Amino acid sequence: MDIDTNNPNFLEVIKMLSNPIRVKILTLTLHGELSQTMLAKNIGCSTSAISQHTALLQQNGLLAISIRDRGKKYVKGIHKKISIEFLPAIVSK
């Protein structure tokens, strides 16, 4: 994987991946969409914490959030910036 460390977004992406909850969110949404409530249950933290983390990830282009079902927020996949091979390697170490 070619990584441009001179890219101004590089450090922001690395900062996003330095938090274990954010890595778990990205890993869980690799293959599909989950509600923030389901993410909170799977990770074991509050929905407000998930909401804060997903907002940061969305701002940095790492995932998308959609609102449906009476305001329920859903988190969808990850952006191309991180390959499917890269996240599992982080999680397994």
Protein backbone atom coordinates (compact mmCIF):
# COMPACT_ATOMS: atom_id res chain seq x y z
CA MET A 1 0.00 0.00 0.00
CA ASP A 2 1.46 3.38 -1.00
CA ILE A 3 0.99 5.97 1.75
CA ASP A 4 1.67 9.64 1.13
CA THR A 5 2.93 10.85 4.51
CA ASN A 6 3.13 14.40 3.11
CA ASN A 7 -0.62 14.46 2.59
CA PRO A 8 -2.15 16.86 5.18
CA ASN A 9 -4.93 14.34 5.86
CA PHE A 10 -2.46 11.57 6.70
CA LEU A 11 -1.99 12.62 10.33
CA GLU A 12 -5.72 13.10 10.83
CA VAL A 13 -6.41 9.58 9.58
CA ILE A 14 -3.69 8.18 11.86
CA LYS A 15 -5.22 10.08 14.81
CA MET A 16 -8.61 8.55 13.99
CA LEU A 17 -7.05 5.08 14.08
CA SER A 18 -5.29 5.67 17.40
CA ASN A 19 -8.55 5.19 19.30
CA PRO A 20 -9.61 1.55 19.87
CA ILE A 21 -13.33 2.39 19.78
CA ARG A 22 -12.95 4.03 16.35
CA VAL A 23 -11.01 1.04 15.04
CA LYS A 24 -13.79 -1.25 16.30
CA ILE A 25 -16.43 0.92 14.60
CA LEU A 26 -14.54 0.81 11.31
CA THR A 27 -13.99 -2.94 11.61
CA LEU A 28 -17.64 -3.67 12.37
CA THR A 29 -18.80 -1.56 9.42
CA LEU A 30 -16.35 -3.03 6.90
CA HIS A 31 -18.96 -5.27 5.31
CA GLY A 32 -22.20 -3.40 5.84
CA GLU A 33 -24.33 -0.91 7.64
CA LEU A 34 -25.12 -0.94 11.37
CA SER A 35 -27.17 1.38 13.54
CA GLN A 36 -25.36 3.37 16.20
CA THR A 37 -27.39 1.45 18.78
CA MET A 38 -26.08 -1.88 17.44
CA LEU A 39 -22.52 -0.52 17.39
CA ALA A 40 -22.89 0.55 21.03
CA LYS A 41 -24.14 -2.92 22.02
CA ASN A 42 -21.36 -4.70 20.10
CA ILE A 43 -18.61 -2.45 21.46
CA GLY A 44 -19.98 -2.06 24.98
CA CYS A 45 -20.23 1.70 25.27
CA SER A 46 -22.98 4.33 25.21
CA THR A 47 -24.73 5.45 22.05
CA SER A 48 -23.62 9.01 22.78
CA ALA A 49 -19.97 7.88 22.76
CA ILE A 50 -20.58 6.05 19.47
CA SER A 51 -22.22 9.18 18.07
CA GLN A 52 -19.19 11.31 18.95
CA HIS A 53 -16.74 8.82 17.46
CA THR A 54 -18.75 8.29 14.27
CA ALA A 55 -19.06 12.05 13.78
CA LEU A 56 -15.27 12.38 13.88
CA LEU A 57 -14.83 9.46 11.49
CA GLN A 58 -17.39 10.96 9.12
CA GLN A 59 -15.67 14.37 9.22
CA ASN A 60 -12.44 12.67 8.15
CA GLY A 61 -14.10 10.79 5.31
CA LEU A 62 -13.77 7.33 6.82
CA LEU A 63 -17.46 6.44 6.96
CA ALA A 64 -20.92 7.67 6.07
CA ILE A 65 -23.86 8.26 8.38
CA SER A 66 -27.46 8.15 7.19
CA ILE A 67 -30.60 8.97 9.17
CA ARG A 68 -33.72 6.82 8.76
CA ASP A 69 -36.43 5.12 10.77
CA ARG A 70 -37.61 8.09 12.82
CA GLY A 71 -34.19 9.66 13.21
CA LYS A 72 -32.19 6.50 13.86
CA LYS A 73 -28.59 6.89 12.66
CA TYR A 74 -26.92 4.20 10.58
CA VAL A 75 -23.20 3.94 9.94
CA LYS A 76 -22.12 2.59 6.57
CA GLY A 77 -18.83 1.11 5.50
CA ILE A 78 -15.50 2.81 5.29
CA HIS A 79 -13.97 5.12 2.76
CA LYS A 80 -11.41 3.89 0.23
CA LYS A 81 -8.64 5.55 2.27
CA ILE A 82 -8.29 2.40 4.35
CA SER A 83 -8.17 -0.97 2.64
CA ILE A 84 -9.97 -4.01 3.97
CA GLU A 85 -6.55 -5.60 4.55
CA PHE A 86 -5.23 -2.70 6.65
CA LEU A 87 -7.80 -2.67 9.49
CA PRO A 88 -7.63 -6.37 10.38
CA ALA A 89 -3.85 -6.04 10.58
CA ILE A 90 -4.23 -3.24 13.14
CA VAL A 91 -6.82 -5.11 15.18
CA SER A 92 -4.80 -8.34 15.33
CA LYS A 93 -1.67 -6.68 16.76
